[in-house]
Structure formats: structure tokens, C-alpha cells
C-alpha atoms as a PDB file:
ATOM      1  CA  MET A   1       0.000   0.000   0.000  1.00  0.00           C
ATOM      2  CA  LYS A   2       1.095   3.612  -0.448  1.00  0.00           C
ATOM      3  CA  ASN A   3       2.787   5.035   2.633  1.00  0.00           C
ATOM      4  CA  THR A   4       1.126   8.446   2.761  1.00  0.00           C
ATOM      5  CA  ALA A   5       3.204   9.530   5.766  1.00  0.00           C
ATOM      6  CA  GLU A   6       6.465   8.530   4.011  1.00  0.00           C
ATOM      7  CA  MET A   7       7.353   6.476   7.063  1.00  0.00           C
ATOM      8  CA  SER A   8       8.548   2.869   7.098  1.00  0.00           C
ATOM      9  CA  PHE A   9       6.641   0.372   9.196  1.00  0.00           C
ATOM     10  CA  GLU A  10       9.682  -0.007  11.458  1.00  0.00           C
ATOM     11  CA  ASP A  11       9.677   3.752  12.042  1.00  0.00           C
ATOM     12  CA  LEU A  12       5.944   3.663  12.741  1.00  0.00           C
ATOM     13  CA  VAL A  13       6.328   0.927  15.385  1.00  0.00           C
ATOM     14  CA  THR A  14       9.306   2.689  16.957  1.00  0.00           C
ATOM     15  CA  MET A  15       7.365   5.943  17.182  1.00  0.00           C
ATOM     16  CA  GLN A  16       4.398   4.207  18.823  1.00  0.00           C
ATOM     17  CA  SER A  17       6.571   2.348  21.324  1.00  0.00           C
ATOM     18  CA  ASN A  18       8.704   5.366  22.245  1.00  0.00           C
ATOM     19  CA  ALA A  19       5.632   7.512  22.874  1.00  0.00           C
ATOM     20  CA  LEU A  20       4.039   4.889  25.124  1.00  0.00           C
ATOM     21  CA  ILE A  21       7.275   4.128  27.004  1.00  0.00           C
ATOM     22  CA  GLY A  22       7.703   7.816  27.770  1.00  0.00           C
ATOM     23  CA  SER A  23       4.107   8.277  28.926  1.00  0.00           C
ATOM     24  CA  LEU A  24       2.923   8.068  32.530  1.00  0.00           C
ATOM     25  CA  PRO A  25       0.143   5.516  33.204  1.00  0.00           C
ATOM     26  CA  LYS A  26      -2.340   8.306  33.942  1.00  0.00           C
ATOM     27  CA  ASP A  27      -1.603   9.862  30.542  1.00  0.00           C
ATOM     28  CA  PHE A  28      -2.167   6.734  28.439  1.00  0.00           C
ATOM     29  CA  ASP A  29      -5.518   7.822  26.985  1.00  0.00           C
ATOM     30  CA  ALA A  30      -4.212  11.216  25.857  1.00  0.00           C
ATOM     31  CA  THR A  31      -0.997   9.704  24.473  1.00  0.00           C
ATOM     32  CA  TRP A  32      -2.868   7.000  22.585  1.00  0.00           C
ATOM     33  CA  GLN A  33      -5.333   9.473  21.104  1.00  0.00           C
ATOM     34  CA  GLU A  34      -2.362  11.420  19.743  1.00  0.00           C
ATOM     35  CA  ILE A  35      -0.306   8.568  18.272  1.00  0.00           C
ATOM     36  CA  ALA A  36      -3.211   6.486  16.941  1.00  0.00           C
ATOM     37  CA  HIS A  37      -3.938   9.106  14.284  1.00  0.00           C
ATOM     38  CA  THR A  38      -0.627   8.228  12.635  1.00  0.00           C
ATOM     39  CA  VAL A  39      -1.737   4.602  12.410  1.00  0.00           C
ATOM     40  CA  LEU A  40      -5.033   5.623  10.815  1.00  0.00           C
ATOM     41  CA  ASP A  41      -3.099   7.575   8.192  1.00  0.00           C
ATOM     42  CA  TRP A  42      -0.513   4.852   7.549  1.00  0.00           C
ATOM     43  CA  PHE A  43      -3.092   2.122   6.955  1.00  0.00           C
ATOM     44  CA  GLY A  44      -5.720   4.325   5.319  1.00  0.00           C
ATOM     45  CA  ILE A  45      -8.468   3.482   7.811  1.00  0.00           C
ATOM     46  CA  ASP A  46     -10.966   5.853   9.392  1.00  0.00           C
ATOM     47  CA  ARG A  47     -11.820   4.461  12.832  1.00  0.00           C
ATOM     48  CA  VAL A  48     -10.349   1.890  15.209  1.00  0.00           C
ATOM     49  CA  THR A  49     -11.608   0.493  18.503  1.00  0.00           C
ATOM     50  CA  LEU A  50     -10.051  -1.836  21.068  1.00  0.00           C
ATOM     51  CA  PHE A  51     -12.703  -3.634  23.082  1.00  0.00           C
ATOM     52  CA  PRO A  52     -12.806  -6.565  25.554  1.00  0.00           C
ATOM     53  CA  ASN A  53     -14.835  -9.731  25.079  1.00  0.00           C
ATOM     54  CA  SER A  54     -16.800  -9.022  28.258  1.00  0.00           C
ATOM     55  CA  MET A  55     -20.206  -7.369  28.464  1.00  0.00           C
ATOM     56  CA  ILE A  56     -19.423  -6.288  32.043  1.00  0.00           C
ATOM     57  CA  MET A  57     -16.348  -4.372  30.909  1.00  0.00           C
ATOM     58  CA  LEU A  58     -18.049  -3.089  27.746  1.00  0.00           C
ATOM     59  CA  ASN A  59     -20.948  -1.707  29.768  1.00  0.00           C
ATOM     60  CA  ASP A  60     -18.400  -0.078  32.064  1.00  0.00           C
ATOM     61  CA  GLY A  61     -16.870   1.748  29.097  1.00  0.00           C
ATOM     62  CA  LYS A  62     -13.638  -0.249  29.002  1.00  0.00           C
ATOM     63  CA  THR A  63     -12.857   0.537  25.373  1.00  0.00           C
ATOM     64  CA  VAL A  64     -10.561   2.931  23.542  1.00  0.00           C
ATOM     65  CA  THR A  65     -11.550   4.313  20.169  1.00  0.00           C
ATOM     66  CA  ILE A  66     -10.455   7.005  17.754  1.00  0.00           C
ATOM     67  CA  ALA A  67     -11.741   8.310  14.425  1.00  0.00           C
ATOM     68  CA  ARG A  68     -10.584  10.707  11.738  1.00  0.00           C
ATOM     69  CA  ASP A  69     -12.101  14.166  11.552  1.00  0.00           C
ATOM     70  CA  GLY A  70     -15.446  13.986   9.769  1.00  0.00           C
ATOM     71  CA  VAL A  71     -16.008  10.327  10.700  1.00  0.00           C
ATOM     72  CA  PRO A  72     -18.699   9.522  13.295  1.00  0.00           C
ATOM     73  CA  VAL A  73     -17.289   8.952  16.780  1.00  0.00           C
ATOM     74  CA  LEU A  74     -18.166   5.466  17.992  1.00  0.00           C
ATOM     75  CA  ASN A  75     -21.268   5.395  20.189  1.00  0.00           C
ATOM     76  CA  PRO A  76     -21.476   1.839  21.612  1.00  0.00           C
ATOM     77  CA  GLN A  77     -25.088   2.311  22.704  1.00  0.00           C
ATOM     78  CA  SER A  78     -26.237   2.712  19.103  1.00  0.00           C
ATOM     79  CA  PHE A  79     -25.001  -0.801  18.335  1.00  0.00           C
ATOM     80  CA  ILE A  80     -26.545  -2.560  21.350  1.00  0.00           C
ATOM     81  CA  SER A  81     -29.706  -3.812  19.704  1.00  0.00           C
ATOM     82  CA  GLY A  82     -30.933  -6.816  17.773  1.00  0.00           C
ATOM     83  CA  ASN A  83     -28.541  -9.758  17.785  1.00  0.00           C
ATOM     84  CA  TYR A  84     -25.509  -7.646  18.730  1.00  0.00           C
ATOM     85  CA  LEU A  85     -24.114 -10.484  20.880  1.00  0.00           C
ATOM     86  CA  ASP A  86     -23.523 -12.419  17.662  1.00  0.00           C
ATOM     87  CA  TYR A  87     -20.902  -9.799  16.807  1.00  0.00           C
ATOM     88  CA  LEU A  88     -18.932 -10.753  19.923  1.00  0.00           C
ATOM     89  CA  LYS A  89     -19.236 -14.400  18.921  1.00  0.00           C
ATOM     90  CA  GLN A  90     -17.147 -13.573  15.850  1.00  0.00           C
ATOM     91  CA  LEU A  91     -14.163 -13.347  18.210  1.00  0.00           C
ATOM     92  CA  ARG A  92     -14.248 -17.127  18.536  1.00  0.00           C
ATOM     93  CA  THR A  93     -13.085 -17.484  14.953  1.00  0.00           C
ATOM     94  CA  LYS A  94     -10.044 -19.643  14.266  1.00  0.00           C
ATOM     95  CA  LYS A  95      -9.025 -17.162  11.568  1.00  0.00           C
ATOM     96  CA  SER A  96      -6.449 -14.468  12.289  1.00  0.00           C
ATOM     97  CA  TRP A  97      -8.926 -11.788  11.190  1.00  0.00           C
ATOM     98  CA  LEU A  98     -12.305 -11.232   9.555  1.00  0.00           C
ATOM     99  CA  THR A  99     -13.251  -8.570   7.005  1.00  0.00           C
ATOM    100  CA  PHE A 100     -16.581  -7.477   5.538  1.00  0.00           C
ATOM    101  CA  ASN A 101     -17.052  -5.512   2.329  1.00  0.00           C
ATOM    102  CA  GLU A 102     -19.781  -3.009   1.529  1.00  0.00           C
ATOM    103  CA  GLN A 103     -22.200  -5.575   0.102  1.00  0.00           C
ATOM    104  CA  GLU A 104     -21.715  -7.996   2.994  1.00  0.00           C
ATOM    105  CA  MET A 105     -22.284  -5.252   5.559  1.00  0.00           C
ATOM    106  CA  SER A 106     -25.444  -3.907   3.919  1.00  0.00           C
ATOM    107  CA  ASP A 107     -27.458  -7.113   4.302  1.00  0.00           C
ATOM    108  CA  HIS A 108     -25.524  -9.070   6.949  1.00  0.00           C
ATOM    109  CA  LYS A 109     -27.518 -11.090   9.482  1.00  0.00           C
ATOM    110  CA  ILE A 110     -25.566  -9.448  12.342  1.00  0.00           C
ATOM    111  CA  SER A 111     -27.261  -6.171  13.260  1.00  0.00           C
ATOM    112  CA  VAL A 112     -24.003  -4.452  14.294  1.00  0.00           C
ATOM    113  CA  LEU A 113     -22.660  -4.687  10.740  1.00  0.00           C
ATOM    114  CA  ARG A 114     -25.900  -3.385   9.229  1.00  0.00           C
ATOM    115  CA  THR A 115     -25.913  -0.479  11.691  1.00  0.00           C
ATOM    116  CA  LEU A 116     -22.310   0.297  10.815  1.00  0.00           C
ATOM    117  CA  TYR A 117     -23.215   0.305   7.119  1.00  0.00           C
ATOM    118  CA  MET A 118     -26.105   2.722   7.736  1.00  0.00           C
ATOM    119  CA  GLU A 119     -23.684   4.926   9.675  1.00  0.00           C
ATOM    120  CA  GLY A 120     -21.523   5.138   6.551  1.00  0.00           C
ATOM    121  CA  GLY A 121     -19.088   2.255   6.995  1.00  0.00           C
ATOM    122  CA  ARG A 122     -18.039   0.628   3.726  1.00  0.00           C
ATOM    123  CA  TRP A 123     -15.338  -1.825   4.845  1.00  0.00           C
ATOM    124  CA  HIS A 124     -14.891  -3.375   8.274  1.00  0.00           C
ATOM    125  CA  GLY A 125     -12.443  -5.716   9.942  1.00  0.00           C
ATOM    126  CA  ILE A 126     -12.070  -7.591  13.223  1.00  0.00           C
ATOM    127  CA  ILE A 127      -8.752  -8.853  14.602  1.00  0.00           C
ATOM    128  CA  PRO A 128      -9.079 -11.054  17.742  1.00  0.00           C
ATOM    129  CA  LEU A 129      -6.500 -10.202  20.422  1.00  0.00           C
ATOM    130  CA  LYS A 130      -4.989 -12.267  23.219  1.00  0.00           C
ATOM    131  CA  LEU A 131      -3.321 -11.267  26.485  1.00  0.00           C
ATOM    132  CA  PHE A 132      -1.189 -13.705  28.508  1.00  0.00           C
ATOM    133  CA  GLY A 133      -2.320 -16.493  26.197  1.00  0.00           C
ATOM    134  CA  GLN A 134      -6.008 -15.850  26.907  1.00  0.00           C
ATOM    135  CA  ASP A 135      -8.653 -14.475  24.552  1.00  0.00           C
ATOM    136  CA  TRP A 136      -9.025 -10.824  25.556  1.00  0.00           C
ATOM    137  CA  GLY A 137     -11.113  -9.074  22.948  1.00  0.00           C
ATOM    138  CA  ALA A 138     -10.474  -7.534  19.574  1.00  0.00           C
ATOM    139  CA  LEU A 139      -9.551  -4.623  17.418  1.00  0.00           C
ATOM    140  CA  SER A 140     -12.300  -3.454  15.095  1.00  0.00           C
ATOM    141  CA  PHE A 141     -11.536  -1.026  12.294  1.00  0.00           C
ATOM    142  CA  SER A 142     -13.552   0.591   9.539  1.00  0.00           C
ATOM    143  CA  ARG A 143     -13.283   2.608   6.373  1.00  0.00           C
ATOM    144  CA  PHE A 144     -16.070   5.027   5.556  1.00  0.00           C
ATOM    145  CA  HIS A 145     -15.211   5.017   1.854  1.00  0.00           C
ATOM    146  CA  ASN A 146     -14.487   2.384  -0.796  1.00  0.00           C
ATOM    147  CA  THR A 147     -11.746   4.117  -2.765  1.00  0.00           C
ATOM    148  CA  LEU A 148      -8.841   1.957  -1.530  1.00  0.00           C
ATOM    149  CA  GLU A 149      -8.052  -1.725  -1.891  1.00  0.00           C
ATOM    150  CA  PRO A 150      -8.573  -3.877   1.229  1.00  0.00           C
ATOM    151  CA  LEU A 151      -5.493  -4.267   3.421  1.00  0.00           C
ATOM    152  CA  SER A 152      -3.095  -6.994   2.320  1.00  0.00           C
ATOM    153  CA  ASP A 153      -2.310  -9.955   4.570  1.00  0.00           C
ATOM    154  CA  GLN A 154       1.030  -8.350   5.371  1.00  0.00           C
ATOM    155  CA  ASP A 155      -0.603  -5.092   6.436  1.00  0.00           C
ATOM    156  CA  MET A 156      -3.191  -6.962   8.512  1.00  0.00           C
ATOM    157  CA  LYS A 157      -0.327  -8.626  10.392  1.00  0.00           C
ATOM    158  CA  ARG A 158       1.339  -5.255  10.821  1.00  0.00           C
ATOM    159  CA  LEU A 159      -1.852  -3.699  12.168  1.00  0.00           C
ATOM    160  CA  LYS A 160      -2.277  -6.576  14.619  1.00  0.00           C
ATOM    161  CA  LEU A 161       1.281  -6.107  15.887  1.00  0.00           C
ATOM    162  CA  ILE A 162       0.664  -2.446  16.628  1.00  0.00           C
ATOM    163  CA  CYS A 163      -2.599  -3.272  18.383  1.00  0.00           C
ATOM    164  CA  ASP A 164      -0.852  -5.899  20.515  1.00  0.00           C
ATOM    165  CA  ILE A 165       1.531  -3.140  21.626  1.00  0.00           C
ATOM    166  CA  TRP A 166      -1.366  -0.795  22.377  1.00  0.00           C
ATOM    167  CA  LEU A 167      -3.180  -3.472  24.370  1.00  0.00           C
ATOM    168  CA  CYS A 168      -0.165  -4.333  26.539  1.00  0.00           C
ATOM    169  CA  TYR A 169       0.482  -0.686  27.432  1.00  0.00           C
ATOM    170  CA  TRP A 170      -3.211   0.022  27.980  1.00  0.00           C
ATOM    171  CA  GLN A 171      -3.641  -2.880  30.386  1.00  0.00           C
ATOM    172  CA  HIS A 172      -0.390  -2.061  32.177  1.00  0.00           C
ATOM    173  CA  SER A 173      -1.450   1.564  32.619  1.00  0.00           C
ATOM    174  CA  THR A 174      -4.830   0.457  33.966  1.00  0.00           C
ATOM    175  CA  MET A 175      -3.203  -1.901  36.467  1.00  0.00           C
ATOM    176  CA  ALA A 176      -0.680   0.742  37.543  1.00  0.00           C
ATOM    177  CA  ARG A 177      -3.423   3.311  38.128  1.00  0.00           C
ATOM    178  CA  ASN A 178      -5.555   0.868  40.105  1.00  0.00           C
ATOM    179  CA  LEU A 179      -2.618  -0.224  42.250  1.00  0.00           C
ATOM    180  CA  LYS A 180      -1.646   3.355  43.015  1.00  0.00           C
ATOM    181  CA  GLN A 181      -5.231   4.341  43.748  1.00  0.00           C
ATOM    182  CA  ASP A 182      -5.748   1.431  46.127  1.00  0.00           C
ATOM    183  CA  GLN A 183      -2.272   1.364  47.672  1.00  0.00           C
ATOM    184  CA  PRO A 184      -3.415   2.305  51.213  1.00  0.00           C
ATOM    185  CA  THR A 185      -5.803  -0.672  51.358  1.00  0.00           C
ATOM    186  CA  ASN A 186      -3.718  -3.124  49.347  1.00  0.00           C
ATOM    187  CA  ALA A 187      -2.202  -4.725  52.437  1.00  0.00           C
ATOM    188  CA  ASN A 188      -5.670  -5.722  53.617  1.00  0.00           C
ATOM    189  CA  GLU A 189      -6.614  -7.361  50.321  1.00  0.00           C
ATOM    190  CA  GLY A 190      -4.321 -10.327  50.947  1.00  0.00           C
ATOM    191  CA  GLU A 191      -6.282 -10.995  54.123  1.00  0.00           C
ATOM    192  CA  LYS A 192      -9.560 -10.656  52.248  1.00  0.00           C
ATOM    193  CA  LEU A 193      -8.455 -13.321  49.771  1.00  0.00           C
ATOM    194  CA  LEU A 194      -8.164 -15.764  52.663  1.00  0.00           C
ATOM    195  CA  LEU A 195     -11.905 -15.375  53.237  1.00  0.00           C
ATOM    196  CA  LEU A 196     -12.658 -16.993  49.874  1.00  0.00           C
ATOM    197  CA  SER A 197     -12.981 -20.743  49.456  1.00  0.00           C
ATOM    198  CA  PRO A 198     -10.766 -22.558  46.915  1.00  0.00           C
ATOM    199  CA  LYS A 199     -13.805 -22.958  44.655  1.00  0.00           C
ATOM    200  CA  GLN A 200     -14.595 -19.241  44.853  1.00  0.00           C
ATOM    201  CA  CYS A 201     -10.969 -18.421  43.994  1.00  0.00           C
ATOM    202  CA  SER A 202     -11.213 -20.685  40.951  1.00  0.00           C
ATOM    203  CA  VAL A 203     -14.401 -18.940  39.822  1.00  0.00           C
ATOM    204  CA  LEU A 204     -12.896 -15.490  40.373  1.00  0.00           C
ATOM    205  CA  THR A 205      -9.730 -16.400  38.464  1.00  0.00           C
ATOM    206  CA  LEU A 206     -11.727 -17.447  35.398  1.00  0.00           C
ATOM    207  CA  LEU A 207     -13.944 -14.357  35.574  1.00  0.00           C
ATOM    208  CA  ALA A 208     -10.836 -12.148  35.731  1.00  0.00           C
ATOM    209  CA  GLN A 209      -9.498 -13.886  32.625  1.00  0.00           C
ATOM    210  CA  GLY A 210     -12.597 -12.762  30.734  1.00  0.00           C
ATOM    211  CA  PHE A 211     -14.674 -15.939  30.776  1.00  0.00           C
ATOM    212  CA  THR A 212     -18.451 -15.650  30.998  1.00  0.00           C
ATOM    213  CA  ALA A 213     -20.444 -17.325  33.771  1.00  0.00           C
ATOM    214  CA  LYS A 214     -21.490 -20.027  31.300  1.00  0.00           C
ATOM    215  CA  GLN A 215     -17.888 -20.672  30.250  1.00  0.00           C
ATOM    216  CA  CYS A 216     -16.779 -20.781  33.898  1.00  0.00           C
ATOM    217  CA  ALA A 217     -19.517 -23.292  34.616  1.00  0.00           C
ATOM    218  CA  GLU A 218     -18.353 -25.543  31.792  1.00  0.00           C
ATOM    219  CA  LYS A 219     -14.726 -25.418  32.934  1.00  0.00           C
ATOM    220  CA  LEU A 220     -15.552 -26.102  36.589  1.00  0.00           C
ATOM    221  CA  PHE A 221     -18.395 -28.589  35.927  1.00  0.00           C
ATOM    222  CA  LEU A 222     -20.900 -26.375  37.709  1.00  0.00           C
ATOM    223  CA  SER A 223     -24.152 -24.749  36.657  1.00  0.00           C
ATOM    224  CA  PRO A 224     -24.231 -21.106  35.499  1.00  0.00           C
ATOM    225  CA  ARG A 225     -26.585 -20.388  38.402  1.00  0.00           C
ATOM    226  CA  THR A 226     -23.977 -21.690  40.855  1.00  0.00           C
ATOM    227  CA  ILE A 227     -21.348 -19.446  39.261  1.00  0.00           C
ATOM    228  CA  GLU A 228     -23.633 -16.420  39.645  1.00  0.00           C
ATOM    229  CA  SER A 229     -24.275 -17.399  43.268  1.00  0.00           C
ATOM    230  CA  HIS A 230     -20.530 -17.583  43.945  1.00  0.00           C
ATOM    231  CA  LYS A 231     -20.049 -14.218  42.244  1.00  0.00           C
ATOM    232  CA  TYR A 232     -22.574 -12.354  44.372  1.00  0.00           C
ATOM    233  CA  ARG A 233     -21.405 -14.141  47.511  1.00  0.00           C
ATOM    234  CA  MET A 234     -17.836 -12.964  46.811  1.00  0.00           C
ATOM    235  CA  ILE A 235     -19.018  -9.384  46.272  1.00  0.00           C
ATOM    236  CA  ASP A 236     -20.631  -9.563  49.710  1.00  0.00           C
ATOM    237  CA  ILE A 237     -17.652 -11.238  51.429  1.00  0.00           C
ATOM    238  CA  LEU A 238     -15.147  -8.773  49.964  1.00  0.00           C
ATOM    239  CA  ASP A 239     -17.382  -5.788  50.743  1.00  0.00           C
ATOM    240  CA  LEU A 240     -17.490  -4.664  47.113  1.00  0.00           C
ATOM    241  CA  GLU A 241     -20.209  -2.836  45.209  1.00  0.00           C
ATOM    242  CA  ASN A 242     -20.564  -4.631  41.884  1.00  0.00           C
ATOM    243  CA  ASN A 243     -19.118  -7.036  39.305  1.00  0.00           C
ATOM    244  CA  THR A 244     -16.676  -4.462  37.972  1.00  0.00           C
ATOM    245  CA  GLU A 245     -15.104  -3.954  41.403  1.00  0.00           C
ATOM    246  CA  LEU A 246     -14.897  -7.728  41.811  1.00  0.00           C
ATOM    247  CA  ILE A 247     -12.942  -8.098  38.558  1.00  0.00           C
ATOM    248  CA  GLN A 248     -10.663  -5.183  39.479  1.00  0.00           C
ATOM    249  CA  PHE A 249      -9.990  -6.789  42.870  1.00  0.00           C
ATOM    250  CA  ALA A 250      -9.027 -10.037  41.140  1.00  0.00           C
ATOM    251  CA  LEU A 251      -6.712  -8.289  38.668  1.00  0.00           C
ATOM    252  CA  ARG A 252      -4.980  -6.287  41.401  1.00  0.00           C
ATOM    253  CA  ASN A 253      -4.233  -9.521  43.217  1.00  0.00           C
ATOM    254  CA  GLY A 254      -2.908 -11.420  40.220  1.00  0.00           C
ATOM    255  CA  LEU A 255      -5.873 -13.760  39.772  1.00  0.00           C
ATOM    256  CA  GLY A 256      -6.274 -12.840  36.110  1.00  0.00           C
ATOM    257  CA  ILE A 257      -2.911 -14.316  35.101  1.00  0.00           C
ATOM    258  CA  ASP A 258      -2.994 -17.902  33.867  1.00  0.00           C
ATOM    259  CA  GLN A 259      -0.057 -19.683  35.415  1.00  0.00           C
END
């Protein structure tokens, strides 16, 4: 593809990495918003979004997204209708990425793709992402025009590499901010963990890794109702407010890392 910024891919990656390395955790969002525009230009795409494969985290706004000037800013609520959960199921694909052209989007059975088409999208892609060997979520990206050829396999791999870098820094910055914010009470959290049963710890570990209650149930040979019961019991035991705080507690204490 034509390099409109007259920058090699190696230079692009180096620029992204240097900017993130030199950024404080609290400044990640602002730094990313600045450097991601270069990626949009280099690949000739109009909007990108990193999102987790977790409705809890999605509802809590745990996404980062950026769009070119003149392109609609992503409004997640406008896509939560119809069979939108089928869009998340696309992340289970064994393929390295999925793409949809204008015709496929216009009459696709998945409502998210039709909504995107009505919004002006004319080419769309999904690249599943992993973190610590676990399915984490995906990068979605769109063009709101059809004047360029679809990205080549090589450029898709390049885009995925950059998004892997973004994801690692984003998650690290989130962890660093949470740890700093909760530092005064962190010493007590080790004691709180001792209040949980081994089974509850197993459930919490899987939830922190992004598994749904149904998936946890299958892995632990329990019913989804039992998983939900454990979840709300843990919220009560740990004196937390909601599911989001429960997941954050687990991540702060290393339960989200598959060892």
C-alpha cells in the first residue's frame, strides 16, 4: 500500500513504542489518542476500537476508540440492539482476522454490521487479540469510503502487531493506576483473599481472565446459576459494590494471570 506519511513500518512501530514508554500511566488515553492518528493515516483506515470480550467491561466503558475528523465517533449504545451479541461471537473465529465488504455489511444477518453500514461504513475488519495467552477481545476497524483496496495480509499482520503493543500498554497503565489508587488498602486485600474458598478463587480467576459465567460453569463442571451465586457471595464477602469492582480486585491480586 502507499505510505502516505512517508514512514517505514519499522519507524511507525518505533514511534508508537517510544511515545508509550515515555508516557505516565495516567496519561495513556491522551498519548494513545495522539499517536493512533498516525496509524489511521498509515493504513488508510478511518476508525479503530479496542474492546474486551466481556459485556461487564463493555458496559463499564472499558474501550478505547479514535476516528478521523469527519467520521462519526463510535457510540457503543447505538449498536446494542438486535442480535448484537452475535458480533462478539465472531471473536471465537479460528481465523487471524475477519473482514466485511460493503455488500456484505449492507445485508448481513448481524445487526451491528448493518448499523455500521447505515452509519456510513463501507469496509470493516475484526482482529481477535490475546493477552497472557487468553482471549481478551479484539480490534475493530472501519473505512467510511471504498476508494482503496482492502489491506493486504502483510498489512493486517502489521496492524495486529501495533494493536498488541497498544493493548499491553493500555492494560499495564490500567493496572498501575488501580494499584496506586488502592495502595493504602492493598495490604488488607491479601487478608480478604483468605476469606474466599478454593472454589470461589477458581471462579474469580476465570472471571478475571474474561470468561463468561457459562464458560466458567463448563470449565468447573458447575451450573451457570452456581457461578452467579458464587459471584454475588464474593461481592458480599469482599465488601465490594458490583461485578466491575470484583474483577478489578481479582486483577490487582494477580488472579487474572494464567499460570
